[in-house]
Amino acid sequence: MPAIARLDDTRPAVATGRNVLSGALLGLGTAAFADEVIFHQLLHWHHFYDRSTPAIGLVSDGLFHAFSWFATVAALFLLADLRRRAAFSAARWWGGLLLGSGGFQLYDGTLQHKVMGLHQIRYDVDLTAYDWTWNVIAALLVAAGAALLVRARRTP
């Protein structure tokens, strides 16, 4: 019986989900990592949580960085498993990656920046151009990822 259960794990539907999940986690982890390094550490434009002291902001950055690292490691374990099972689908994986990175950026730009007010991209400047650039790039990434997934679904 374990052999049958093992074969069930490699069904195309399961492998499709794992390809998308692996790509999405790596996209999320990569986008979060880039945000952390560029905007938090190099440019000093904001912390993950700016509604308290700078010390709390640094702690929140550390937790955010750990979250992005765990997402990346989980994505790479899933990718290694897909490769081991010969179930890797490049189109589905890249679709998931674009969807994950764009989804993270869209979530950050709308919910965290505007709805929850955890932080803004920058302070003491007109945010209009920053917000539009941030969210349009996010929407383009999501659209490209969704298009790749739809296209991959149509191919056998």
Foldseek 3Di string as FASTA:
>chain_A
DVVVVVVVCLPLVNLLVLLLLLLLLLLQLVLLVCCLCPQVPPVVFFAQADPDDVVVSVVSSVVSNVSSVVSNVVSVVSVVVCVVVVSHDVLSNQLSNLLNNLVNLQCCLDCSVPVVNRDASHPPDDCPVVSVVSNVSSVVSNVVSVVSSVVVVPPD
